[in-house]
Amino acid sequence: MSIPVLTPSLFNSAPQRPTLILGPSLGTGSLALWGPAVPYLTEHFQLVAWDLPGHGESAPSTGDFSMGELAAGVISMIDALRVDGIVAEDSTLFYAGVSIGGATALQLAHDFPGTFAGLSVICSAAKIGTPEGWAERAELVAKAGTPVVMTGSAERWFAPGFIEANPVASTNLLHNLQDADRFSYAHACAALGGFDLSGALGSLADPLLAIAGAHDQVCPPADAEFIAEHAPNARAAVIDTVAHLAPAEDPAATAALLVEFFASISQEKIA
């Protein structure tokens, strides 16, 4: 195993503002997932998104990686952005991630406490699925490619009626899945198969906001409530209109929750 190299996308250059790092969901690229929410966030934050290996702008991974190594990859990415002057050394950092990106939020809070002023876990959980289920999916996709999971993902990702009402947004996200590197996707499945911080939530001191979609079959609202009940500085919220990809499905509601949460915990003014 090794720390994956993650490619960031700078959505807006505003180094005088707090920097919000945006994490992906498995099978999606950062632009398709977070792009709809960007107009609601740019006046408050400098936005930097990262892509999973073999997704979006990031190069494919060459082998399995753990969630701990994925979190370390996020930190390495931020360190490089600081060296390049994109993220100021004294910039306040926030983090928000979806699904595997939300699991990464918990891993970051566990492995790198205090790095972020606050983190949001969106449509995610302290443990997602089972090791056996992720192993089966990894094997299937490595052999047959990501198109084999397209139908099931479309059913889980979106709330009822979203695809029909938003054909462009949903098609872009499904194209992300179709274009993802199958071996990198399998490596991410393996990482999720080994991920379980459900017994460690009590040790996470960073402020956390767990956001759930009311229609999410993968990580239902009970998972967000579990985080809020067991992490000492956590709270939960539910968006009634979404399933598993909240920033794309209801960008205004997702952004409003993030702005309110980060403003409530920040000593730095968020406009």
C-alpha atoms as a PDB file:
ATOM      1  CA  MET A   1       0.000   0.000   0.000  1.00  0.00           C
ATOM      2  CA  SER A   2       1.067   3.588  -0.536  1.00  0.00           C
ATOM      3  CA  ILE A   3      -0.192   7.152  -0.196  1.00  0.00           C
ATOM      4  CA  PRO A   4      -2.060   8.061  -3.396  1.00  0.00           C
ATOM      5  CA  VAL A   5      -1.238  11.260  -5.263  1.00  0.00           C
ATOM      6  CA  LEU A   6      -4.363  13.405  -5.507  1.00  0.00           C
ATOM      7  CA  THR A   7      -4.865  16.178  -8.037  1.00  0.00           C
ATOM      8  CA  PRO A   8      -6.632  19.297  -6.763  1.00  0.00           C
ATOM      9  CA  SER A   9      -8.951  21.592  -8.688  1.00  0.00           C
ATOM     10  CA  LEU A  10      -9.025  25.249  -7.664  1.00  0.00           C
ATOM     11  CA  PHE A  11     -12.590  26.448  -8.222  1.00  0.00           C
ATOM     12  CA  ASN A  12     -11.867  30.063  -7.236  1.00  0.00           C
ATOM     13  CA  SER A  13      -8.766  31.934  -6.140  1.00  0.00           C
ATOM     14  CA  ALA A  14      -9.469  33.811  -2.909  1.00  0.00           C
ATOM     15  CA  PRO A  15      -6.518  33.237  -0.560  1.00  0.00           C
ATOM     16  CA  GLN A  16      -7.800  35.952   1.800  1.00  0.00           C
ATOM     17  CA  ARG A  17     -10.810  33.764   2.632  1.00  0.00           C
ATOM     18  CA  PRO A  18     -10.915  30.476   4.547  1.00  0.00           C
ATOM     19  CA  THR A  19     -10.113  27.516   2.307  1.00  0.00           C
ATOM     20  CA  LEU A  20     -12.751  24.803   2.006  1.00  0.00           C
ATOM     21  CA  ILE A  21     -11.442  21.453   0.773  1.00  0.00           C
ATOM     22  CA  LEU A  22     -14.131  19.461  -1.064  1.00  0.00           C
ATOM     23  CA  GLY A  23     -14.007  15.662  -1.209  1.00  0.00           C
ATOM     24  CA  PRO A  24     -15.587  13.307  -3.774  1.00  0.00           C
ATOM     25  CA  SER A  25     -17.967  10.391  -3.802  1.00  0.00           C
ATOM     26  CA  LEU A  26     -16.810   7.083  -5.278  1.00  0.00           C
ATOM     27  CA  GLY A  27     -17.372   7.106  -9.034  1.00  0.00           C
ATOM     28  CA  THR A  28     -17.656  10.887  -9.377  1.00  0.00           C
ATOM     29  CA  GLY A  29     -15.397  13.732 -10.371  1.00  0.00           C
ATOM     30  CA  SER A  30     -15.212  16.856  -8.260  1.00  0.00           C
ATOM     31  CA  LEU A  31     -16.537  19.207 -10.944  1.00  0.00           C
ATOM     32  CA  ALA A  32     -19.723  17.262 -11.636  1.00  0.00           C
ATOM     33  CA  LEU A  33     -20.363  16.596  -7.948  1.00  0.00           C
ATOM     34  CA  TRP A  34     -19.533  19.994  -6.446  1.00  0.00           C
ATOM     35  CA  GLY A  35     -19.932  22.292  -9.460  1.00  0.00           C
ATOM     36  CA  PRO A  36     -23.642  22.973  -8.825  1.00  0.00           C
ATOM     37  CA  ALA A  37     -22.859  24.132  -5.257  1.00  0.00           C
ATOM     38  CA  VAL A  38     -19.923  26.373  -6.202  1.00  0.00           C
ATOM     39  CA  PRO A  39     -22.006  29.520  -6.878  1.00  0.00           C
ATOM     40  CA  TYR A  40     -23.408  29.299  -3.351  1.00  0.00           C
ATOM     41  CA  LEU A  41     -19.969  28.887  -1.753  1.00  0.00           C
ATOM     42  CA  THR A  42     -17.527  31.111  -3.641  1.00  0.00           C
ATOM     43  CA  GLU A  43     -18.404  34.316  -1.789  1.00  0.00           C
ATOM     44  CA  HIS A  44     -17.585  32.617   1.509  1.00  0.00           C
ATOM     45  CA  PHE A  45     -14.541  30.423   0.804  1.00  0.00           C
ATOM     46  CA  GLN A  46     -11.642  29.653  -1.447  1.00  0.00           C
ATOM     47  CA  LEU A  47     -12.684  26.276  -2.867  1.00  0.00           C
ATOM     48  CA  VAL A  48     -10.281  23.428  -3.600  1.00  0.00           C
ATOM     49  CA  ALA A  49     -11.647  20.032  -4.615  1.00  0.00           C
ATOM     50  CA  TRP A  50      -9.767  16.764  -4.970  1.00  0.00           C
ATOM     51  CA  ASP A  51     -10.424  13.710  -7.109  1.00  0.00           C
ATOM     52  CA  LEU A  52      -9.981  10.077  -6.183  1.00  0.00           C
ATOM     53  CA  PRO A  53      -7.229   8.197  -8.012  1.00  0.00           C
ATOM     54  CA  GLY A  54      -8.383   7.342 -11.519  1.00  0.00           C
ATOM     55  CA  HIS A  55     -11.304   9.768 -11.286  1.00  0.00           C
ATOM     56  CA  GLY A  56     -11.561  13.263 -12.716  1.00  0.00           C
ATOM     57  CA  GLU A  57      -8.146  14.929 -12.779  1.00  0.00           C
ATOM     58  CA  SER A  58      -6.250  12.417 -10.616  1.00  0.00           C
ATOM     59  CA  ALA A  59      -3.973   9.792 -12.145  1.00  0.00           C
ATOM     60  CA  PRO A  60      -4.852   6.116 -11.571  1.00  0.00           C
ATOM     61  CA  SER A  61      -3.547   4.386  -8.475  1.00  0.00           C
ATOM     62  CA  THR A  62      -1.002   1.610  -8.850  1.00  0.00           C
ATOM     63  CA  GLY A  63      -2.204  -0.520  -5.943  1.00  0.00           C
ATOM     64  CA  ASP A  64      -4.479  -0.729  -2.932  1.00  0.00           C
ATOM     65  CA  PHE A  65      -4.523   2.096  -0.420  1.00  0.00           C
ATOM     66  CA  SER A  66      -6.159   2.426   2.986  1.00  0.00           C
ATOM     67  CA  MET A  67      -8.439   5.215   4.159  1.00  0.00           C
ATOM     68  CA  GLY A  68      -5.567   6.372   6.359  1.00  0.00           C
ATOM     69  CA  GLU A  69      -3.348   6.641   3.309  1.00  0.00           C
ATOM     70  CA  LEU A  70      -6.080   8.467   1.396  1.00  0.00           C
ATOM     71  CA  ALA A  71      -6.347  11.004   4.231  1.00  0.00           C
ATOM     72  CA  ALA A  72      -2.572  11.388   4.199  1.00  0.00           C
ATOM     73  CA  GLY A  73      -2.825  12.049   0.474  1.00  0.00           C
ATOM     74  CA  VAL A  74      -5.212  14.933   1.177  1.00  0.00           C
ATOM     75  CA  ILE A  75      -2.731  16.402   3.660  1.00  0.00           C
ATOM     76  CA  SER A  76       0.130  16.028   1.158  1.00  0.00           C
ATOM     77  CA  MET A  77      -1.989  17.804  -1.455  1.00  0.00           C
ATOM     78  CA  ILE A  78      -2.664  20.702   0.932  1.00  0.00           C
ATOM     79  CA  ASP A  79       1.037  20.925   1.825  1.00  0.00           C
ATOM     80  CA  ALA A  80       1.868  21.220  -1.881  1.00  0.00           C
ATOM     81  CA  LEU A  81      -0.763  23.936  -2.329  1.00  0.00           C
ATOM     82  CA  ARG A  82       0.846  25.844   0.536  1.00  0.00           C
ATOM     83  CA  VAL A  83       4.276  25.560  -1.064  1.00  0.00           C
ATOM     84  CA  ASP A  84       2.818  26.927  -4.295  1.00  0.00           C
ATOM     85  CA  GLY A  85       1.190  29.822  -2.428  1.00  0.00           C
ATOM     86  CA  ILE A  86      -2.347  28.806  -3.384  1.00  0.00           C
ATOM     87  CA  VAL A  87      -3.285  28.128   0.225  1.00  0.00           C
ATOM     88  CA  ALA A  88      -1.850  30.697   2.618  1.00  0.00           C
ATOM     89  CA  GLU A  89       0.168  29.340   5.527  1.00  0.00           C
ATOM     90  CA  ASP A  90      -2.177  30.970   8.037  1.00  0.00           C
ATOM     91  CA  SER A  91      -5.379  30.175   6.126  1.00  0.00           C
ATOM     92  CA  THR A  92      -8.244  28.662   8.106  1.00  0.00           C
ATOM     93  CA  LEU A  93      -9.012  25.229   6.663  1.00  0.00           C
ATOM     94  CA  PHE A  94     -12.418  23.594   6.460  1.00  0.00           C
ATOM     95  CA  TYR A  95     -13.332  20.275   4.871  1.00  0.00           C
ATOM     96  CA  ALA A  96     -16.505  18.786   3.388  1.00  0.00           C
ATOM     97  CA  GLY A  97     -16.677  15.422   1.648  1.00  0.00           C
ATOM     98  CA  VAL A  98     -19.333  13.133   0.214  1.00  0.00           C
ATOM     99  CA  SER A  99     -19.529   9.354   0.753  1.00  0.00           C
ATOM    100  CA  ILE A 100     -15.905   8.142   0.606  1.00  0.00           C
ATOM    101  CA  GLY A 101     -14.972  11.815   0.815  1.00  0.00           C
ATOM    102  CA  GLY A 102     -17.057  12.033   3.989  1.00  0.00           C
ATOM    103  CA  ALA A 103     -15.377   8.957   5.400  1.00  0.00           C
ATOM    104  CA  THR A 104     -12.120  10.750   4.647  1.00  0.00           C
ATOM    105  CA  ALA A 105     -13.365  13.647   6.808  1.00  0.00           C
ATOM    106  CA  LEU A 106     -13.628  11.302   9.788  1.00  0.00           C
ATOM    107  CA  GLN A 107     -10.223   9.788   8.982  1.00  0.00           C
ATOM    108  CA  LEU A 108      -8.697  13.281   8.826  1.00  0.00           C
ATOM    109  CA  ALA A 109     -10.226  14.185  12.175  1.00  0.00           C
ATOM    110  CA  HIS A 110      -8.826  10.944  13.610  1.00  0.00           C
ATOM    111  CA  ASP A 111      -5.334  11.043  12.098  1.00  0.00           C
ATOM    112  CA  PHE A 112      -4.716  14.800  11.811  1.00  0.00           C
ATOM    113  CA  PRO A 113      -6.674  16.414  14.663  1.00  0.00           C
ATOM    114  CA  GLY A 114      -6.743  20.191  14.646  1.00  0.00           C
ATOM    115  CA  THR A 115      -5.670  20.521  11.010  1.00  0.00           C
ATOM    116  CA  PHE A 116      -9.175  21.636  10.056  1.00  0.00           C
ATOM    117  CA  ALA A 117     -11.251  24.137  12.013  1.00  0.00           C
ATOM    118  CA  GLY A 118     -14.294  22.024  11.161  1.00  0.00           C
ATOM    119  CA  LEU A 119     -15.281  19.127   8.919  1.00  0.00           C
ATOM    120  CA  SER A 120     -18.530  18.015   7.307  1.00  0.00           C
ATOM    121  CA  VAL A 121     -19.370  14.361   6.674  1.00  0.00           C
ATOM    122  CA  ILE A 122     -21.933  14.328   3.839  1.00  0.00           C
ATOM    123  CA  CYS A 123     -23.981  11.261   2.867  1.00  0.00           C
ATOM    124  CA  SER A 124     -21.484   9.057   4.657  1.00  0.00           C
ATOM    125  CA  ALA A 125     -20.904   7.065   7.827  1.00  0.00           C
ATOM    126  CA  ALA A 126     -18.303   5.850  10.285  1.00  0.00           C
ATOM    127  CA  LYS A 127     -18.590   2.454   8.578  1.00  0.00           C
ATOM    128  CA  ILE A 128     -20.088   1.970   5.118  1.00  0.00           C
ATOM    129  CA  GLY A 129     -21.293  -1.447   4.013  1.00  0.00           C
ATOM    130  CA  THR A 130     -19.357  -4.622   4.784  1.00  0.00           C
ATOM    131  CA  PRO A 131     -15.844  -5.795   3.939  1.00  0.00           C
ATOM    132  CA  GLU A 132     -17.346  -8.711   2.002  1.00  0.00           C
ATOM    133  CA  GLY A 133     -19.601  -6.440  -0.035  1.00  0.00           C
ATOM    134  CA  TRP A 134     -16.749  -4.098  -0.959  1.00  0.00           C
ATOM    135  CA  ALA A 135     -14.501  -7.016  -1.863  1.00  0.00           C
ATOM    136  CA  GLU A 136     -17.179  -8.372  -4.206  1.00  0.00           C
ATOM    137  CA  ARG A 137     -17.641  -4.986  -5.858  1.00  0.00           C
ATOM    138  CA  ALA A 138     -13.901  -4.474  -6.217  1.00  0.00           C
ATOM    139  CA  GLU A 139     -13.509  -7.850  -7.923  1.00  0.00           C
ATOM    140  CA  LEU A 140     -16.497  -7.249 -10.192  1.00  0.00           C
ATOM    141  CA  VAL A 141     -15.383  -3.814 -11.355  1.00  0.00           C
ATOM    142  CA  ALA A 142     -11.743  -4.823 -11.786  1.00  0.00           C
ATOM    143  CA  LYS A 143     -12.882  -7.597 -14.126  1.00  0.00           C
ATOM    144  CA  ALA A 144     -15.810  -5.985 -15.952  1.00  0.00           C
ATOM    145  CA  GLY A 145     -15.237  -2.243 -15.625  1.00  0.00           C
ATOM    146  CA  THR A 146     -17.313   0.493 -14.025  1.00  0.00           C
ATOM    147  CA  PRO A 147     -20.246   0.282 -16.506  1.00  0.00           C
ATOM    148  CA  VAL A 148     -21.300  -2.926 -14.731  1.00  0.00           C
ATOM    149  CA  VAL A 149     -22.363  -0.861 -11.677  1.00  0.00           C
ATOM    150  CA  MET A 150     -24.000   1.997 -13.596  1.00  0.00           C
ATOM    151  CA  THR A 151     -27.606   0.905 -13.131  1.00  0.00           C
ATOM    152  CA  GLY A 152     -27.278   0.227  -9.421  1.00  0.00           C
ATOM    153  CA  SER A 153     -25.425   3.485  -8.831  1.00  0.00           C
ATOM    154  CA  ALA A 154     -28.087   5.493 -10.663  1.00  0.00           C
ATOM    155  CA  GLU A 155     -30.716   3.960  -8.393  1.00  0.00           C
ATOM    156  CA  ARG A 156     -28.778   4.713  -5.199  1.00  0.00           C
ATOM    157  CA  TRP A 157     -27.293   8.091  -6.035  1.00  0.00           C
ATOM    158  CA  PHE A 158     -30.385  10.164  -6.735  1.00  0.00           C
ATOM    159  CA  ALA A 159     -33.672  10.943  -5.022  1.00  0.00           C
ATOM    160  CA  PRO A 160     -36.851   9.926  -6.895  1.00  0.00           C
ATOM    161  CA  GLY A 161     -37.475  12.150  -9.922  1.00  0.00           C
ATOM    162  CA  PHE A 162     -34.023  13.781  -9.939  1.00  0.00           C
ATOM    163  CA  ILE A 163     -32.777  12.132 -13.144  1.00  0.00           C
ATOM    164  CA  GLU A 164     -35.892  13.147 -15.073  1.00  0.00           C
ATOM    165  CA  ALA A 165     -35.823  16.714 -13.733  1.00  0.00           C
ATOM    166  CA  ASN A 166     -32.043  17.159 -14.074  1.00  0.00           C
ATOM    167  CA  PRO A 167     -30.864  15.148 -17.089  1.00  0.00           C
ATOM    168  CA  VAL A 168     -27.640  17.105 -17.632  1.00  0.00           C
ATOM    169  CA  ALA A 169     -26.409  16.932 -14.036  1.00  0.00           C
ATOM    170  CA  SER A 170     -27.279  13.251 -13.653  1.00  0.00           C
ATOM    171  CA  THR A 171     -25.761  12.327 -17.017  1.00  0.00           C
ATOM    172  CA  ASN A 172     -22.520  14.128 -16.166  1.00  0.00           C
ATOM    173  CA  LEU A 173     -22.215  12.221 -12.909  1.00  0.00           C
ATOM    174  CA  LEU A 174     -22.934   8.870 -14.541  1.00  0.00           C
ATOM    175  CA  HIS A 175     -20.381   9.658 -17.257  1.00  0.00           C
ATOM    176  CA  ASN A 176     -17.856  10.231 -14.451  1.00  0.00           C
ATOM    177  CA  LEU A 177     -18.546   6.710 -13.249  1.00  0.00           C
ATOM    178  CA  GLN A 178     -18.300   5.244 -16.741  1.00  0.00           C
ATOM    179  CA  ASP A 179     -14.967   7.009 -17.325  1.00  0.00           C
ATOM    180  CA  ALA A 180     -13.382   6.121 -13.967  1.00  0.00           C
ATOM    181  CA  ASP A 181     -10.378   3.808 -14.027  1.00  0.00           C
ATOM    182  CA  ARG A 182     -11.707   0.402 -13.019  1.00  0.00           C
ATOM    183  CA  PHE A 183      -8.636  -0.633 -11.045  1.00  0.00           C
ATOM    184  CA  SER A 184      -8.538   2.649  -9.106  1.00  0.00           C
ATOM    185  CA  TYR A 185     -12.245   2.223  -8.367  1.00  0.00           C
ATOM    186  CA  ALA A 186     -11.484  -1.262  -7.054  1.00  0.00           C
ATOM    187  CA  HIS A 187      -8.665   0.109  -4.894  1.00  0.00           C
ATOM    188  CA  ALA A 188     -11.093   2.642  -3.376  1.00  0.00           C
ATOM    189  CA  CYS A 189     -13.554  -0.184  -2.677  1.00  0.00           C
ATOM    190  CA  ALA A 190     -10.802  -2.016  -0.814  1.00  0.00           C
ATOM    191  CA  ALA A 191     -10.131   1.101   1.261  1.00  0.00           C
ATOM    192  CA  LEU A 192     -13.798   1.336   2.229  1.00  0.00           C
ATOM    193  CA  GLY A 193     -13.825  -2.368   3.057  1.00  0.00           C
ATOM    194  CA  GLY A 194     -11.193  -1.754   5.710  1.00  0.00           C
ATOM    195  CA  PHE A 195     -12.746   1.432   7.068  1.00  0.00           C
ATOM    196  CA  ASP A 196     -14.481   1.432  10.439  1.00  0.00           C
ATOM    197  CA  LEU A 197     -14.213   4.359  12.836  1.00  0.00           C
ATOM    198  CA  SER A 198     -17.507   3.622  14.576  1.00  0.00           C
ATOM    199  CA  GLY A 199     -15.681   2.727  17.777  1.00  0.00           C
ATOM    200  CA  ALA A 200     -13.318   5.697  17.596  1.00  0.00           C
ATOM    201  CA  LEU A 201     -15.816   8.548  17.256  1.00  0.00           C
ATOM    202  CA  GLY A 202     -15.513   9.402  20.930  1.00  0.00           C
ATOM    203  CA  SER A 203     -11.892  10.403  20.387  1.00  0.00           C
ATOM    204  CA  LEU A 204     -12.644  12.885  17.587  1.00  0.00           C
ATOM    205  CA  ALA A 205     -12.455  16.381  19.072  1.00  0.00           C
ATOM    206  CA  ASP A 206     -12.795  18.436  15.871  1.00  0.00           C
ATOM    207  CA  PRO A 207     -16.173  20.084  15.170  1.00  0.00           C
ATOM    208  CA  LEU A 208     -18.164  17.828  12.850  1.00  0.00           C
ATOM    209  CA  LEU A 209     -21.363  18.264  10.861  1.00  0.00           C
ATOM    210  CA  ALA A 210     -22.911  15.052   9.531  1.00  0.00           C
ATOM    211  CA  ILE A 211     -25.346  15.782   6.685  1.00  0.00           C
ATOM    212  CA  ALA A 212     -27.661  13.011   5.480  1.00  0.00           C
ATOM    213  CA  GLY A 213     -30.064  12.709   2.592  1.00  0.00           C
ATOM    214  CA  ALA A 214     -33.579  11.642   3.522  1.00  0.00           C
ATOM    215  CA  HIS A 215     -33.659   9.292   0.510  1.00  0.00           C
ATOM    216  CA  ASP A 216     -30.148   7.868   0.953  1.00  0.00           C
ATOM    217  CA  GLN A 217     -30.201   4.061   0.916  1.00  0.00           C
ATOM    218  CA  VAL A 218     -26.409   3.786   1.233  1.00  0.00           C
ATOM    219  CA  CYS A 219     -25.879   6.005   4.275  1.00  0.00           C
ATOM    220  CA  PRO A 220     -29.308   6.784   5.739  1.00  0.00           C
ATOM    221  CA  PRO A 221     -29.957   9.552   8.288  1.00  0.00           C
ATOM    222  CA  ALA A 222     -29.381   7.093  11.141  1.00  0.00           C
ATOM    223  CA  ASP A 223     -25.690   7.053  10.186  1.00  0.00           C
ATOM    224  CA  ALA A 224     -25.437  10.827  10.562  1.00  0.00           C
ATOM    225  CA  GLU A 225     -27.257  10.653  13.885  1.00  0.00           C
ATOM    226  CA  PHE A 226     -24.828   7.962  15.058  1.00  0.00           C
ATOM    227  CA  ILE A 227     -21.909  10.304  14.379  1.00  0.00           C
ATOM    228  CA  ALA A 228     -23.643  13.174  16.182  1.00  0.00           C
ATOM    229  CA  GLU A 229     -24.407  10.984  19.182  1.00  0.00           C
ATOM    230  CA  HIS A 230     -20.927   9.481  19.567  1.00  0.00           C
ATOM    231  CA  ALA A 231     -18.474  12.221  18.532  1.00  0.00           C
ATOM    232  CA  PRO A 232     -18.190  14.822  21.303  1.00  0.00           C
ATOM    233  CA  ASN A 233     -18.338  17.924  19.089  1.00  0.00           C
ATOM    234  CA  ALA A 234     -20.677  16.769  16.328  1.00  0.00           C
ATOM    235  CA  ARG A 235     -24.143  17.615  15.091  1.00  0.00           C
ATOM    236  CA  ALA A 236     -26.393  16.182  12.376  1.00  0.00           C
ATOM    237  CA  ALA A 237     -28.718  17.568   9.719  1.00  0.00           C
ATOM    238  CA  VAL A 238     -30.985  15.979   7.108  1.00  0.00           C
ATOM    239  CA  ILE A 239     -31.806  17.334   3.651  1.00  0.00           C
ATOM    240  CA  ASP A 240     -35.273  16.143   2.675  1.00  0.00           C
ATOM    241  CA  THR A 241     -34.758  16.494  -1.079  1.00  0.00           C
ATOM    242  CA  VAL A 242     -31.672  14.333  -1.679  1.00  0.00           C
ATOM    243  CA  ALA A 243     -30.332  10.798  -1.668  1.00  0.00           C
ATOM    244  CA  HIS A 244     -26.561  10.137  -1.823  1.00  0.00           C
ATOM    245  CA  LEU A 245     -25.069  13.078  -3.771  1.00  0.00           C
ATOM    246  CA  ALA A 246     -26.308  16.098  -1.841  1.00  0.00           C
ATOM    247  CA  PRO A 247     -24.121  18.856  -3.402  1.00  0.00           C
ATOM    248  CA  ALA A 248     -25.337  17.941  -6.891  1.00  0.00           C
ATOM    249  CA  GLU A 249     -28.943  17.161  -5.968  1.00  0.00           C
ATOM    250  CA  ASP A 250     -29.694  20.205  -3.785  1.00  0.00           C
ATOM    251  CA  PRO A 251     -26.692  22.515  -3.946  1.00  0.00           C
ATOM    252  CA  ALA A 252     -28.441  25.460  -2.282  1.00  0.00           C
ATOM    253  CA  ALA A 253     -29.501  23.466   0.789  1.00  0.00           C
ATOM    254  CA  THR A 254     -26.114  21.760   1.088  1.00  0.00           C
ATOM    255  CA  ALA A 255     -24.218  25.033   0.810  1.00  0.00           C
ATOM    256  CA  ALA A 256     -26.490  26.764   3.318  1.00  0.00           C
ATOM    257  CA  LEU A 257     -25.803  24.078   5.931  1.00  0.00           C
ATOM    258  CA  LEU A 258     -22.057  24.274   5.332  1.00  0.00           C
ATOM    259  CA  VAL A 259     -21.908  28.064   5.512  1.00  0.00           C
ATOM    260  CA  GLU A 260     -23.970  28.141   8.695  1.00  0.00           C
ATOM    261  CA  PHE A 261     -21.909  25.409  10.352  1.00  0.00           C
ATOM    262  CA  PHE A 262     -18.486  26.784   9.483  1.00  0.00           C
ATOM    263  CA  ALA A 263     -19.536  30.322  10.428  1.00  0.00           C
ATOM    264  CA  SER A 264     -20.759  29.086  13.820  1.00  0.00           C
ATOM    265  CA  ILE A 265     -17.382  27.595  14.722  1.00  0.00           C
ATOM    266  CA  SER A 266     -15.015  30.050  13.064  1.00  0.00           C
ATOM    267  CA  GLN A 267     -13.293  32.960  14.749  1.00  0.00           C
ATOM    268  CA  GLU A 268     -12.752  34.343  11.281  1.00  0.00           C
ATOM    269  CA  LYS A 269     -15.661  36.186   9.687  1.00  0.00           C
ATOM    270  CA  ILE A 270     -17.432  34.250   6.940  1.00  0.00           C
ATOM    271  CA  ALA A 271     -19.426  36.702   4.870  1.00  0.00           C
END
